[in-house]
Amino acid sequence: ILLLNKYRCNKVFIDVGYGYGTIDILKEKGLGDIVCGIPFNSK
C-alpha cells in the first residue's frame, strides 16, 4: 500500500502460494480491482 501510494501502478500480481492472506487484506481495503492473486499451477 505504501508503494502504491508512492508509485503509479495499474495492477499488482501476487503469488497466491504464500500471499493469500495479504491478498485478502488488500481486497478488504478496497483494492480488489488492482490486486490479483496468481496460482502458479492454474490454467
Full PDB file with SEQRES, HELIX, SHEET, SSBOND, CRYST1, ORIGX, SCALE, CONECT and MASTER records, all heavy atoms in Angstrom:
SEQRES   1 A   43  ILE LEU LEU LEU ASN LYS TYR ARG CYS ASN LYS VAL PHE          
SEQRES   2 A   43  ILE ASP VAL GLY TYR GLY TYR GLY THR ILE ASP ILE LEU          
SEQRES   3 A   43  LYS GLU LYS GLY LEU GLY ASP ILE VAL CYS GLY ILE PRO          
SEQRES   4 A   43  PHE ASN SER LYS                                              
HELIX    1 AA1 LEU A    2  LYS A    6  1                                   5    
HELIX    2 AA2 VAL A   16  GLU A   28  1                                  13    
SHEET    1 AA1 2 VAL A  12  ASP A  15  0                                        
SHEET    2 AA1 2 VAL A  35  ILE A  38  1                                        
CRYST1    1.000    1.000    1.000  90.00  90.00  90.00 P 1           1          
ORIGX1      1.000000  0.000000  0.000000        0.00000                         
ORIGX2      0.000000  1.000000  0.000000        0.00000                         
ORIGX3      0.000000  0.000000  1.000000        0.00000                         
SCALE1      1.000000  0.000000  0.000000        0.00000                         
SCALE2      0.000000  1.000000  0.000000        0.00000                         
SCALE3      0.000000  0.000000  1.000000        0.00000                         
ATOM      1  N   ILE A   1       0.831  -1.206   0.000  1.00  0.00           N  
ATOM      2  CA  ILE A   1       0.000   0.000   0.000  1.00  0.00           C  
ATOM      3  C   ILE A   1       0.865   1.256   0.000  1.00  0.00           C  
ATOM      4  O   ILE A   1       0.573   2.228  -0.708  1.00  0.00           O  
ATOM      5  CB  ILE A   1      -0.964  -0.007   1.202  1.00  0.00           C  
ATOM      6  CG1 ILE A   1      -2.077  -1.025   0.931  1.00  0.00           C  
ATOM      7  CG2 ILE A   1      -1.562   1.358   1.463  1.00  0.00           C  
ATOM      8  CD1 ILE A   1      -3.023  -1.244   2.087  1.00  0.00           C  
ATOM      9  N   LEU A   2       1.945   1.251   0.770  1.00  0.00           N  
ATOM     10  CA  LEU A   2       2.862   2.395   0.770  1.00  0.00           C  
ATOM     11  C   LEU A   2       3.460   2.612  -0.618  1.00  0.00           C  
ATOM     12  O   LEU A   2       3.601   3.747  -1.082  1.00  0.00           O  
ATOM     13  CB  LEU A   2       3.973   2.176   1.794  1.00  0.00           C  
ATOM     14  CG  LEU A   2       3.562   2.267   3.272  1.00  0.00           C  
ATOM     15  CD1 LEU A   2       4.738   1.881   4.166  1.00  0.00           C  
ATOM     16  CD2 LEU A   2       3.076   3.669   3.606  1.00  0.00           C  
ATOM     17  N   LEU A   3       3.798   1.511  -1.284  1.00  0.00           N  
ATOM     18  CA  LEU A   3       4.369   1.612  -2.628  1.00  0.00           C  
ATOM     19  C   LEU A   3       3.327   2.110  -3.636  1.00  0.00           C  
ATOM     20  O   LEU A   3       3.632   2.900  -4.528  1.00  0.00           O  
ATOM     21  CB  LEU A   3       4.924   0.257  -3.064  1.00  0.00           C  
ATOM     22  CG  LEU A   3       6.175  -0.219  -2.314  1.00  0.00           C  
ATOM     23  CD1 LEU A   3       6.496  -1.671  -2.656  1.00  0.00           C  
ATOM     24  CD2 LEU A   3       7.366   0.678  -2.645  1.00  0.00           C  
ATOM     25  N   LEU A   4       2.091   1.655  -3.480  1.00  0.00           N  
ATOM     26  CA  LEU A   4       1.021   2.140  -4.356  1.00  0.00           C  
ATOM     27  C   LEU A   4       0.763   3.624  -4.146  1.00  0.00           C  
ATOM     28  O   LEU A   4       0.381   4.342  -5.070  1.00  0.00           O  
ATOM     29  CB  LEU A   4      -0.267   1.355  -4.100  1.00  0.00           C  
ATOM     30  CG  LEU A   4      -0.355  -0.043  -4.705  1.00  0.00           C  
ATOM     31  CD1 LEU A   4      -1.611  -0.743  -4.226  1.00  0.00           C  
ATOM     32  CD2 LEU A   4      -0.321   0.017  -6.228  1.00  0.00           C  
ATOM     33  N   ASN A   5       0.976   4.069  -2.931  1.00  0.00           N  
ATOM     34  CA  ASN A   5       0.782   5.478  -2.617  1.00  0.00           C  
ATOM     35  C   ASN A   5       1.908   6.334  -3.196  1.00  0.00           C  
ATOM     36  O   ASN A   5       1.734   7.522  -3.459  1.00  0.00           O  
ATOM     37  CB  ASN A   5       0.713   5.666  -1.098  1.00  0.00           C  
ATOM     38  CG  ASN A   5       0.151   7.020  -0.712  1.00  0.00           C  
ATOM     39  OD1 ASN A   5      -0.645   7.606  -1.428  1.00  0.00           O  
ATOM     40  ND2 ASN A   5       0.578   7.527   0.422  1.00  0.00           N  
ATOM     41  N   LYS A   6       3.078   5.701  -3.401  1.00  0.00           N  
ATOM     42  CA  LYS A   6       4.253   6.430  -3.894  1.00  0.00           C  
ATOM     43  C   LYS A   6       4.386   6.363  -5.409  1.00  0.00           C  
ATOM     44  O   LYS A   6       4.811   7.312  -6.053  1.00  0.00           O  
ATOM     45  CB  LYS A   6       5.501   5.866  -3.227  1.00  0.00           C  
ATOM     46  CG  LYS A   6       6.782   6.624  -3.538  1.00  0.00           C  
ATOM     47  CD  LYS A   6       7.954   6.063  -2.737  1.00  0.00           C  
ATOM     48  CE  LYS A   6       9.232   6.842  -3.021  1.00  0.00           C  
ATOM     49  NZ  LYS A   6      10.385   6.310  -2.246  1.00  0.00           N  
ATOM     50  N   TYR A   7       4.029   5.205  -5.980  1.00  0.00           N  
ATOM     51  CA  TYR A   7       4.217   4.999  -7.420  1.00  0.00           C  
ATOM     52  C   TYR A   7       2.883   4.703  -8.094  1.00  0.00           C  
ATOM     53  O   TYR A   7       2.016   4.049  -7.521  1.00  0.00           O  
ATOM     54  CB  TYR A   7       5.161   3.830  -7.681  1.00  0.00           C  
ATOM     55  CG  TYR A   7       6.503   3.974  -7.026  1.00  0.00           C  
ATOM     56  CD1 TYR A   7       6.816   3.244  -5.889  1.00  0.00           C  
ATOM     57  CD2 TYR A   7       7.460   4.856  -7.529  1.00  0.00           C  
ATOM     58  CE1 TYR A   7       8.054   3.371  -5.275  1.00  0.00           C  
ATOM     59  CE2 TYR A   7       8.695   4.990  -6.923  1.00  0.00           C  
ATOM     60  CZ  TYR A   7       8.981   4.243  -5.797  1.00  0.00           C  
ATOM     61  OH  TYR A   7      10.193   4.367  -5.189  1.00  0.00           O  
ATOM     62  N   ARG A   8       2.751   5.157  -9.345  1.00  0.00           N  
ATOM     63  CA  ARG A   8       1.572   4.811 -10.131  1.00  0.00           C  
ATOM     64  C   ARG A   8       1.680   3.349 -10.555  1.00  0.00           C  
ATOM     65  O   ARG A   8       2.731   2.896 -10.973  1.00  0.00           O  
ATOM     66  CB  ARG A   8       1.483   5.704 -11.356  1.00  0.00           C  
ATOM     67  CG  ARG A   8       1.326   7.174 -11.026  1.00  0.00           C  
ATOM     68  CD  ARG A   8       1.151   7.977 -12.288  1.00  0.00           C  
ATOM     69  NE  ARG A   8       2.198   7.702 -13.265  1.00  0.00           N  
ATOM     70  CZ  ARG A   8       2.161   8.087 -14.527  1.00  0.00           C  
ATOM     71  NH1 ARG A   8       1.131   8.758 -14.968  1.00  0.00           N  
ATOM     72  NH2 ARG A   8       3.149   7.821 -15.349  1.00  0.00           N  
ATOM     73  N   CYS A   9       0.611   2.617 -10.450  1.00  0.00           N  
ATOM     74  CA  CYS A   9       0.660   1.205 -10.803  1.00  0.00           C  
ATOM     75  C   CYS A   9      -0.737   0.740 -11.191  1.00  0.00           C  
ATOM     76  O   CYS A   9      -1.704   1.003 -10.475  1.00  0.00           O  
ATOM     77  CB  CYS A   9       1.189   0.399  -9.616  1.00  0.00           C  
ATOM     78  SG  CYS A   9       1.572  -1.304 -10.009  1.00  0.00           S  
ATOM     79  N   ASN A  10      -0.841   0.066 -12.325  1.00  0.00           N  
ATOM     80  CA  ASN A  10      -2.140  -0.414 -12.790  1.00  0.00           C  
ATOM     81  C   ASN A  10      -2.603  -1.681 -12.100  1.00  0.00           C  
ATOM     82  O   ASN A  10      -3.774  -1.848 -11.806  1.00  0.00           O  
ATOM     83  CB  ASN A  10      -2.088  -0.732 -14.294  1.00  0.00           C  
ATOM     84  CG  ASN A  10      -2.077   0.505 -15.129  1.00  0.00           C  
ATOM     85  OD1 ASN A  10      -1.020   1.100 -15.283  1.00  0.00           O  
ATOM     86  ND2 ASN A  10      -3.205   0.903 -15.677  1.00  0.00           N  
ATOM     87  N   LYS A  11      -1.642  -2.577 -11.865  1.00  0.00           N  
ATOM     88  CA  LYS A  11      -2.022  -3.896 -11.368  1.00  0.00           C  
ATOM     89  C   LYS A  11      -0.926  -4.452 -10.472  1.00  0.00           C  
ATOM     90  O   LYS A  11       0.259  -4.247 -10.722  1.00  0.00           O  
ATOM     91  CB  LYS A  11      -2.242  -4.834 -12.561  1.00  0.00           C  
ATOM     92  CG  LYS A  11      -3.190  -5.984 -12.291  1.00  0.00           C  
ATOM     93  CD  LYS A  11      -4.630  -5.527 -12.371  1.00  0.00           C  
ATOM     94  CE  LYS A  11      -5.592  -6.709 -12.271  1.00  0.00           C  
ATOM     95  NZ  LYS A  11      -6.994  -6.274 -12.315  1.00  0.00           N  
ATOM     96  N   VAL A  12      -1.358  -5.169  -9.434  1.00  0.00           N  
ATOM     97  CA  VAL A  12      -0.433  -5.844  -8.522  1.00  0.00           C  
ATOM     98  C   VAL A  12      -0.716  -7.338  -8.611  1.00  0.00           C  
ATOM     99  O   VAL A  12      -1.820  -7.788  -8.289  1.00  0.00           O  
ATOM    100  CB  VAL A  12      -0.618  -5.366  -7.068  1.00  0.00           C  
ATOM    101  CG1 VAL A  12       0.363  -6.087  -6.144  1.00  0.00           C  
ATOM    102  CG2 VAL A  12      -0.427  -3.854  -6.973  1.00  0.00           C  
ATOM    103  N   PHE A  13       0.277  -8.106  -9.047  1.00  0.00           N  
ATOM    104  CA  PHE A  13       0.137  -9.550  -9.156  1.00  0.00           C  
ATOM    105  C   PHE A  13       0.924 -10.207  -8.026  1.00  0.00           C  
ATOM    106  O   PHE A  13       2.129  -9.988  -7.886  1.00  0.00           O  
ATOM    107  CB  PHE A  13       0.659 -10.040 -10.506  1.00  0.00           C  
ATOM    108  CG  PHE A  13      -0.102  -9.495 -11.682  1.00  0.00           C  
ATOM    109  CD1 PHE A  13       0.471  -8.535 -12.510  1.00  0.00           C  
ATOM    110  CD2 PHE A  13      -1.390  -9.933 -11.957  1.00  0.00           C  
ATOM    111  CE1 PHE A  13      -0.227  -8.026 -13.599  1.00  0.00           C  
ATOM    112  CE2 PHE A  13      -2.097  -9.430 -13.049  1.00  0.00           C  
ATOM    113  CZ  PHE A  13      -1.513  -8.478 -13.865  1.00  0.00           C  
ATOM    114  N   ILE A  14       0.241 -11.019  -7.227  1.00  0.00           N  
ATOM    115  CA  ILE A  14       0.846 -11.642  -6.054  1.00  0.00           C  
ATOM    116  C   ILE A  14       0.736 -13.161  -6.153  1.00  0.00           C  
ATOM    117  O   ILE A  14      -0.340 -13.693  -6.463  1.00  0.00           O  
ATOM    118  CB  ILE A  14       0.166 -11.170  -4.756  1.00  0.00           C  
ATOM    119  CG1 ILE A  14       0.196  -9.635  -4.668  1.00  0.00           C  
ATOM    120  CG2 ILE A  14       0.838 -11.784  -3.530  1.00  0.00           C  
ATOM    121  CD1 ILE A  14      -0.562  -9.071  -3.470  1.00  0.00           C  
ATOM    122  N   ASP A  15       1.833 -13.867  -5.874  1.00  0.00           N  
ATOM    123  CA  ASP A  15       1.810 -15.321  -5.840  1.00  0.00           C  
ATOM    124  C   ASP A  15       0.884 -15.772  -4.708  1.00  0.00           C  
ATOM    125  O   ASP A  15       1.108 -15.448  -3.542  1.00  0.00           O  
ATOM    126  CB  ASP A  15       3.232 -15.843  -5.612  1.00  0.00           C  
ATOM    127  CG  ASP A  15       3.295 -17.357  -5.511  1.00  0.00           C  
ATOM    128  OD1 ASP A  15       2.285 -18.020  -5.787  1.00  0.00           O  
ATOM    129  OD2 ASP A  15       4.380 -17.874  -5.154  1.00  0.00           O  
ATOM    130  N   VAL A  16      -0.153 -16.516  -5.065  1.00  0.00           N  
ATOM    131  CA  VAL A  16      -1.150 -16.936  -4.081  1.00  0.00           C  
ATOM    132  C   VAL A  16      -0.559 -17.897  -3.050  1.00  0.00           C  
ATOM    133  O   VAL A  16      -0.983 -17.918  -1.892  1.00  0.00           O  
ATOM    134  CB  VAL A  16      -2.347 -17.601  -4.794  1.00  0.00           C  
ATOM    135  CG1 VAL A  16      -3.243 -18.325  -3.805  1.00  0.00           C  
ATOM    136  CG2 VAL A  16      -3.151 -16.548  -5.541  1.00  0.00           C  
ATOM    137  N   GLY A  17       0.447 -18.683  -3.451  1.00  0.00           N  
ATOM    138  CA  GLY A  17       1.005 -19.715  -2.589  1.00  0.00           C  
ATOM    139  C   GLY A  17       1.181 -19.295  -1.139  1.00  0.00           C  
ATOM    140  O   GLY A  17       0.700 -19.955  -0.214  1.00  0.00           O  
ATOM    141  N   TYR A  18       1.895 -18.185  -0.915  1.00  0.00           N  
ATOM    142  CA  TYR A  18       2.109 -17.661   0.430  1.00  0.00           C  
ATOM    143  C   TYR A  18       1.586 -16.230   0.547  1.00  0.00           C  
ATOM    144  O   TYR A  18       1.934 -15.534   1.495  1.00  0.00           O  
ATOM    145  CB  TYR A  18       3.596 -17.702   0.792  1.00  0.00           C  
ATOM    146  CG  TYR A  18       4.087 -19.095   1.106  1.00  0.00           C  
ATOM    147  CD1 TYR A  18       4.406 -19.981   0.083  1.00  0.00           C  
ATOM    148  CD2 TYR A  18       4.211 -19.528   2.416  1.00  0.00           C  
ATOM    149  CE1 TYR A  18       4.843 -21.264   0.359  1.00  0.00           C  
ATOM    150  CE2 TYR A  18       4.655 -20.812   2.710  1.00  0.00           C  
ATOM    151  CZ  TYR A  18       4.973 -21.677   1.677  1.00  0.00           C  
ATOM    152  OH  TYR A  18       5.405 -22.954   1.944  1.00  0.00           O  
ATOM    153  N   GLY A  19       0.754 -15.827  -0.410  1.00  0.00           N  
ATOM    154  CA  GLY A  19       0.280 -14.447  -0.394  1.00  0.00           C  
ATOM    155  C   GLY A  19      -1.208 -14.289  -0.221  1.00  0.00           C  
ATOM    156  O   GLY A  19      -1.724 -13.170  -0.270  1.00  0.00           O  
ATOM    157  N   TYR A  20      -1.923 -15.398   0.006  1.00  0.00           N  
ATOM    158  CA  TYR A  20      -3.389 -15.297   0.059  1.00  0.00           C  
ATOM    159  C   TYR A  20      -3.874 -14.401   1.191  1.00  0.00           C  
ATOM    160  O   TYR A  20      -4.851 -13.669   1.046  1.00  0.00           O  
ATOM    161  CB  TYR A  20      -4.021 -16.686   0.159  1.00  0.00           C  
ATOM    162  CG  TYR A  20      -3.530 -17.524   1.306  1.00  0.00           C  
ATOM    163  CD1 TYR A  20      -4.120 -17.451   2.552  1.00  0.00           C  
ATOM    164  CD2 TYR A  20      -2.473 -18.418   1.126  1.00  0.00           C  
ATOM    165  CE1 TYR A  20      -3.671 -18.222   3.609  1.00  0.00           C  
ATOM    166  CE2 TYR A  20      -2.016 -19.194   2.179  1.00  0.00           C  
ATOM    167  CZ  TYR A  20      -2.606 -19.087   3.421  1.00  0.00           C  
ATOM    168  OH  TYR A  20      -2.145 -19.851   4.466  1.00  0.00           O  
ATOM    169  N   GLY A  21      -3.182 -14.430   2.347  1.00  0.00           N  
ATOM    170  CA  GLY A  21      -3.585 -13.577   3.461  1.00  0.00           C  
ATOM    171  C   GLY A  21      -3.407 -12.108   3.137  1.00  0.00           C  
ATOM    172  O   GLY A  21      -4.279 -11.276   3.436  1.00  0.00           O  
ATOM    173  N   THR A  22      -2.289 -11.789   2.506  1.00  0.00           N  
ATOM    174  CA  THR A  22      -2.022 -10.407   2.095  1.00  0.00           C  
ATOM    175  C   THR A  22      -3.041  -9.951   1.058  1.00  0.00           C  
ATOM    176  O   THR A  22      -3.537  -8.823   1.106  1.00  0.00           O  
ATOM    177  CB  THR A  22      -0.603 -10.290   1.511  1.00  0.00           C  
ATOM    178  OG1 THR A  22       0.347 -10.587   2.538  1.00  0.00           O  
ATOM    179  CG2 THR A  22      -0.343  -8.892   0.965  1.00  0.00           C  
ATOM    180  N   ILE A  23      -3.378 -10.836   0.136  1.00  0.00           N  
ATOM    181  CA  ILE A  23      -4.369 -10.514  -0.897  1.00  0.00           C  
ATOM    182  C   ILE A  23      -5.715 -10.191  -0.257  1.00  0.00           C  
ATOM    183  O   ILE A  23      -6.375  -9.214  -0.622  1.00  0.00           O  
ATOM    184  CB  ILE A  23      -4.508 -11.681  -1.894  1.00  0.00           C  
ATOM    185  CG1 ILE A  23      -3.204 -11.868  -2.661  1.00  0.00           C  
ATOM    186  CG2 ILE A  23      -5.665 -11.439  -2.857  1.00  0.00           C  
ATOM    187  CD1 ILE A  23      -3.131 -13.164  -3.455  1.00  0.00           C  
ATOM    188  N   ASP A  24      -6.110 -10.992   0.723  1.00  0.00           N  
ATOM    189  CA  ASP A  24      -7.388 -10.763   1.409  1.00  0.00           C  
ATOM    190  C   ASP A  24      -7.404  -9.398   2.095  1.00  0.00           C  
ATOM    191  O   ASP A  24      -8.407  -8.666   2.035  1.00  0.00           O  
ATOM    192  CB  ASP A  24      -7.644 -11.858   2.439  1.00  0.00           C  
ATOM    193  CG  ASP A  24      -8.020 -13.183   1.799  1.00  0.00           C  
ATOM    194  OD1 ASP A  24      -8.393 -13.186   0.610  1.00  0.00           O  
ATOM    195  OD2 ASP A  24      -7.934 -14.221   2.489  1.00  0.00           O  
ATOM    196  N   ILE A  25      -6.290  -9.044   2.745  1.00  0.00           N  
ATOM    197  CA  ILE A  25      -6.208  -7.753   3.438  1.00  0.00           C  
ATOM    198  C   ILE A  25      -6.350  -6.605   2.444  1.00  0.00           C  
ATOM    199  O   ILE A  25      -7.095  -5.648   2.679  1.00  0.00           O  
ATOM    200  CB  ILE A  25      -4.873  -7.625   4.207  1.00  0.00           C  
ATOM    201  CG1 ILE A  25      -4.833  -8.629   5.361  1.00  0.00           C  
ATOM    202  CG2 ILE A  25      -4.682  -6.203   4.736  1.00  0.00           C  
ATOM    203  CD1 ILE A  25      -3.478  -8.728   6.037  1.00  0.00           C  
ATOM    204  N   LEU A  26      -5.642  -6.702   1.325  1.00  0.00           N  
ATOM    205  CA  LEU A  26      -5.687  -5.635   0.326  1.00  0.00           C  
ATOM    206  C   LEU A  26      -7.082  -5.505  -0.286  1.00  0.00           C  
ATOM    207  O   LEU A  26      -7.549  -4.387  -0.547  1.00  0.00           O  
ATOM    208  CB  LEU A  26      -4.642  -5.904  -0.760  1.00  0.00           C  
ATOM    209  CG  LEU A  26      -3.186  -5.814  -0.302  1.00  0.00           C  
ATOM    210  CD1 LEU A  26      -2.251  -6.314  -1.391  1.00  0.00           C  
ATOM    211  CD2 LEU A  26      -2.825  -4.385   0.079  1.00  0.00           C  
ATOM    212  N   LYS A  27      -7.740  -6.623  -0.496  1.00  0.00           N  
ATOM    213  CA  LYS A  27      -9.094  -6.576  -1.044  1.00  0.00           C  
ATOM    214  C   LYS A  27     -10.063  -5.972  -0.030  1.00  0.00           C  
ATOM    215  O   LYS A  27     -10.981  -5.243  -0.408  1.00  0.00           O  
ATOM    216  CB  LYS A  27      -9.535  -7.971  -1.466  1.00  0.00           C  
ATOM    217  CG  LYS A  27      -8.827  -8.457  -2.732  1.00  0.00           C  
ATOM    218  CD  LYS A  27      -9.354  -9.798  -3.202  1.00  0.00           C  
ATOM    219  CE  LYS A  27      -8.699 -10.196  -4.516  1.00  0.00           C  
ATOM    220  NZ  LYS A  27      -9.200 -11.509  -5.024  1.00  0.00           N  
ATOM    221  N   GLU A  28      -9.853  -6.283   1.242  1.00  0.00           N  
ATOM    222  CA  GLU A  28     -10.691  -5.678   2.283  1.00  0.00           C  
ATOM    223  C   GLU A  28     -10.516  -4.164   2.337  1.00  0.00           C  
ATOM    224  O   GLU A  28     -11.432  -3.442   2.755  1.00  0.00           O  
ATOM    225  CB  GLU A  28     -10.337  -6.288   3.637  1.00  0.00           C  
ATOM    226  CG  GLU A  28     -10.804  -7.724   3.813  1.00  0.00           C  
ATOM    227  CD  GLU A  28     -10.302  -8.339   5.098  1.00  0.00           C  
ATOM    228  OE1 GLU A  28      -9.587  -7.635   5.867  1.00  0.00           O  
ATOM    229  OE2 GLU A  28     -10.607  -9.527   5.354  1.00  0.00           O  
ATOM    230  N   LYS A  29      -9.345  -3.682   1.911  1.00  0.00           N  
ATOM    231  CA  LYS A  29      -9.082  -2.246   1.881  1.00  0.00           C  
ATOM    232  C   LYS A  29      -9.615  -1.590   0.613  1.00  0.00           C  
ATOM    233  O   LYS A  29      -9.381  -0.405   0.371  1.00  0.00           O  
ATOM    234  CB  LYS A  29      -7.569  -1.993   1.996  1.00  0.00           C  
ATOM    235  CG  LYS A  29      -6.968  -2.432   3.316  1.00  0.00           C  
ATOM    236  CD  LYS A  29      -7.545  -1.646   4.475  1.00  0.00           C  
ATOM    237  CE  LYS A  29      -6.993  -2.133   5.805  1.00  0.00           C  
ATOM    238  NZ  LYS A  29      -7.581  -1.381   6.945  1.00  0.00           N  
ATOM    239  N   GLY A  30     -10.314  -2.353  -0.205  1.00  0.00           N  
ATOM    240  CA  GLY A  30     -10.927  -1.781  -1.398  1.00  0.00           C  
ATOM    241  C   GLY A  30     -10.049  -1.790  -2.630  1.00  0.00           C  
ATOM    242  O   GLY A  30     -10.337  -1.095  -3.604  1.00  0.00           O  
ATOM    243  N   LEU A  31      -8.987  -2.613  -2.625  1.00  0.00           N  
ATOM    244  CA  LEU A  31      -8.060  -2.638  -3.751  1.00  0.00           C  
ATOM    245  C   LEU A  31      -8.235  -3.878  -4.628  1.00  0.00           C  
ATOM    246  O   LEU A  31      -7.323  -4.276  -5.339  1.00  0.00           O  
ATOM    247  CB  LEU A  31      -6.618  -2.565  -3.237  1.00  0.00           C  
ATOM    248  CG  LEU A  31      -6.279  -1.290  -2.450  1.00  0.00           C  
ATOM    249  CD1 LEU A  31      -4.879  -1.378  -1.856  1.00  0.00           C  
ATOM    250  CD2 LEU A  31      -6.395  -0.061  -3.343  1.00  0.00           C  
ATOM    251  N   GLY A  32      -9.427  -4.461  -4.587  1.00  0.00           N  
ATOM    252  CA  GLY A  32      -9.679  -5.676  -5.339  1.00  0.00           C  
ATOM    253  C   GLY A  32      -9.567  -5.526  -6.844  1.00  0.00           C  
ATOM    254  O   GLY A  32      -9.287  -6.498  -7.550  1.00  0.00           O  
ATOM    255  N   ASP A  33      -9.768  -4.319  -7.354  1.00  0.00           N  
ATOM    256  CA  ASP A  33      -9.665  -4.106  -8.800  1.00  0.00           C  
ATOM    257  C   ASP A  33      -8.217  -3.912  -9.245  1.00  0.00           C  
ATOM    258  O   ASP A  33      -7.926  -3.914 -10.451  1.00  0.00           O  
ATOM    259  CB  ASP A  33     -10.507  -2.905  -9.234  1.00  0.00           C  
ATOM    260  CG  ASP A  33     -10.136  -1.632  -8.492  1.00  0.00           C  
ATOM    261  OD1 ASP A  33      -9.567  -1.735  -7.379  1.00  0.00           O  
ATOM    262  OD2 ASP A  33     -10.425  -0.540  -9.017  1.00  0.00           O  
ATOM    263  N   ILE A  34      -7.310  -3.751  -8.293  1.00  0.00           N  
ATOM    264  CA  ILE A  34      -5.897  -3.558  -8.603  1.00  0.00           C  
ATOM    265  C   ILE A  34      -5.085  -4.812  -8.294  1.00  0.00           C  
ATOM    266  O   ILE A  34      -4.180  -5.183  -9.029  1.00  0.00           O  
ATOM    267  CB  ILE A  34      -5.318  -2.365  -7.806  1.00  0.00           C  
ATOM    268  CG1 ILE A  34      -6.047  -1.082  -8.177  1.00  0.00           C  
ATOM    269  CG2 ILE A  34      -3.809  -2.211  -8.051  1.00  0.00           C  
ATOM    270  CD1 ILE A  34      -5.649   0.106  -7.320  1.00  0.00           C  
ATOM    271  N   VAL A  35      -5.454  -5.492  -7.208  1.00  0.00           N  
ATOM    272  CA  VAL A  35      -4.709  -6.657  -6.725  1.00  0.00           C  
ATOM    273  C   VAL A  35      -5.261  -7.933  -7.336  1.00  0.00           C  
ATOM    274  O   VAL A  35      -6.475  -8.143  -7.387  1.00  0.00           O  
ATOM    275  CB  VAL A  35      -4.769  -6.732  -5.188  1.00  0.00           C  
ATOM    276  CG1 VAL A  35      -4.125  -8.016  -4.687  1.00  0.00           C  
ATOM    277  CG2 VAL A  35      -4.097  -5.510  -4.576  1.00  0.00           C  
ATOM    278  N   CYS A  36      -4.353  -8.799  -7.778  1.00  0.00           N  
ATOM    279  CA  CYS A  36      -4.757 -10.057  -8.403  1.00  0.00           C  
ATOM    280  C   CYS A  36      -3.852 -11.179  -7.898  1.00  0.00           C  
ATOM    281  O   CYS A  36      -2.632 -11.104  -8.028  1.00  0.00           O  
ATOM    282  CB  CYS A  36      -4.663  -9.940  -9.920  1.00  0.00           C  
ATOM    283  SG  CYS A  36      -5.229 -11.406 -10.804  1.00  0.00           S  
ATOM    284  N   GLY A  37      -4.451 -12.202  -7.311  1.00  0.00           N  
ATOM    285  CA  GLY A  37      -3.688 -13.361  -6.860  1.00  0.00           C  
ATOM    286  C   GLY A  37      -3.475 -14.334  -8.005  1.00  0.00           C  
ATOM    287  O   GLY A  37      -4.406 -14.629  -8.764  1.00  0.00           O  
ATOM    288  N   ILE A  38      -2.247 -14.841  -8.125  1.00  0.00           N  
ATOM    289  CA  ILE A  38      -1.907 -15.738  -9.232  1.00  0.00           C  
ATOM    290  C   ILE A  38      -1.442 -17.088  -8.684  1.00  0.00           C  
ATOM    291  O   ILE A  38      -0.366 -17.191  -8.088  1.00  0.00           O  
ATOM    292  CB  ILE A  38      -0.791 -15.138 -10.121  1.00  0.00           C  
ATOM    293  CG1 ILE A  38      -1.215 -13.773 -10.677  1.00  0.00           C  
ATOM    294  CG2 ILE A  38      -0.434 -16.107 -11.250  1.00  0.00           C  
ATOM    295  CD1 ILE A  38      -2.411 -13.805 -11.596  1.00  0.00           C  
ATOM    296  N   PRO A  39      -2.225 -18.157  -8.880  1.00  0.00           N  
ATOM    297  CA  PRO A  39      -1.764 -19.511  -8.537  1.00  0.00           C  
ATOM    298  C   PRO A  39      -0.855 -20.030  -9.662  1.00  0.00           C  
ATOM    299  O   PRO A  39      -1.278 -20.069 -10.816  1.00  0.00           O  
ATOM    300  CB  PRO A  39      -3.056 -20.318  -8.450  1.00  0.00           C  
ATOM    301  CG  PRO A  39      -4.178 -19.319  -8.558  1.00  0.00           C  
ATOM    302  CD  PRO A  39      -3.629 -18.143  -9.282  1.00  0.00           C  
ATOM    303  N   PHE A  40       0.359 -20.405  -9.337  1.00  0.00           N  
ATOM    304  CA  PHE A  40       1.297 -20.831 -10.376  1.00  0.00           C  
ATOM    305  C   PHE A  40       0.857 -22.114 -11.079  1.00  0.00           C  
ATOM    306  O   PHE A  40       1.268 -22.370 -12.210  1.00  0.00           O  
ATOM    307  CB  PHE A  40       2.687 -21.029  -9.771  1.00  0.00           C  
ATOM    308  CG  PHE A  40       3.499 -19.758  -9.674  1.00  0.00           C  
ATOM    309  CD1 PHE A  40       2.876 -18.516  -9.603  1.00  0.00           C  
ATOM    310  CD2 PHE A  40       4.882 -19.794  -9.662  1.00  0.00           C  
ATOM    311  CE1 PHE A  40       3.611 -17.350  -9.517  1.00  0.00           C  
ATOM    312  CE2 PHE A  40       5.630 -18.628  -9.572  1.00  0.00           C  
ATOM    313  CZ  PHE A  40       4.993 -17.404  -9.507  1.00  0.00           C  
ATOM    314  N   ASN A  41       0.032 -22.914 -10.414  1.00  0.00           N  
ATOM    315  CA  ASN A  41      -0.401 -24.179 -11.033  1.00  0.00           C  
ATOM    316  C   ASN A  41      -1.759 -24.066 -11.716  1.00  0.00           C  
ATOM    317  O   ASN A  41      -2.355 -25.074 -12.104  1.00  0.00           O  
ATOM    318  CB  ASN A  41      -0.443 -25.286  -9.983  1.00  0.00           C  
ATOM    319  CG  ASN A  41      -1.453 -25.003  -8.879  1.00  0.00           C  
ATOM    320  OD1 ASN A  41      -1.974 -23.884  -8.788  1.00  0.00           O  
ATOM    321  ND2 ASN A  41      -1.727 -25.987  -8.041  1.00  0.00           N  
ATOM    322  N   SER A  42      -2.251 -22.831 -11.880  1.00  0.00           N  
ATOM    323  CA  SER A  42      -3.558 -22.631 -12.520  1.00  0.00           C  
ATOM    324  C   SER A  42      -3.441 -22.727 -14.040  1.00  0.00           C  
ATOM    325  O   SER A  42      -2.344 -22.845 -14.594  1.00  0.00           O  
ATOM    326  CB  SER A  42      -4.145 -21.278 -12.118  1.00  0.00           C  
ATOM    327  OG  SER A  42      -3.301 -20.217 -12.534  1.00  0.00           O  
ATOM    328  N   LYS A  43      -4.591 -22.643 -14.700  1.00  0.00           N  
ATOM    329  CA  LYS A  43      -4.607 -22.747 -16.158  1.00  0.00           C  
ATOM    330  C   LYS A  43      -4.077 -21.458 -16.787  1.00  0.00           C  
ATOM    331  O   LYS A  43      -4.369 -20.356 -16.328  1.00  0.00           O  
ATOM    332  CB  LYS A  43      -6.025 -23.020 -16.649  1.00  0.00           C  
ATOM    333  CG  LYS A  43      -6.553 -24.390 -16.245  1.00  0.00           C  
ATOM    334  CD  LYS A  43      -7.957 -24.620 -16.785  1.00  0.00           C  
ATOM    335  CE  LYS A  43      -8.470 -25.998 -16.380  1.00  0.00           C  
ATOM    336  NZ  LYS A  43      -9.847 -26.254 -16.893  1.00  0.00           N  
TER     337      LYS A  43                                                      
MASTER        0    0    0    2    2    0    0    6  336    1    0    4          
END                                                                             
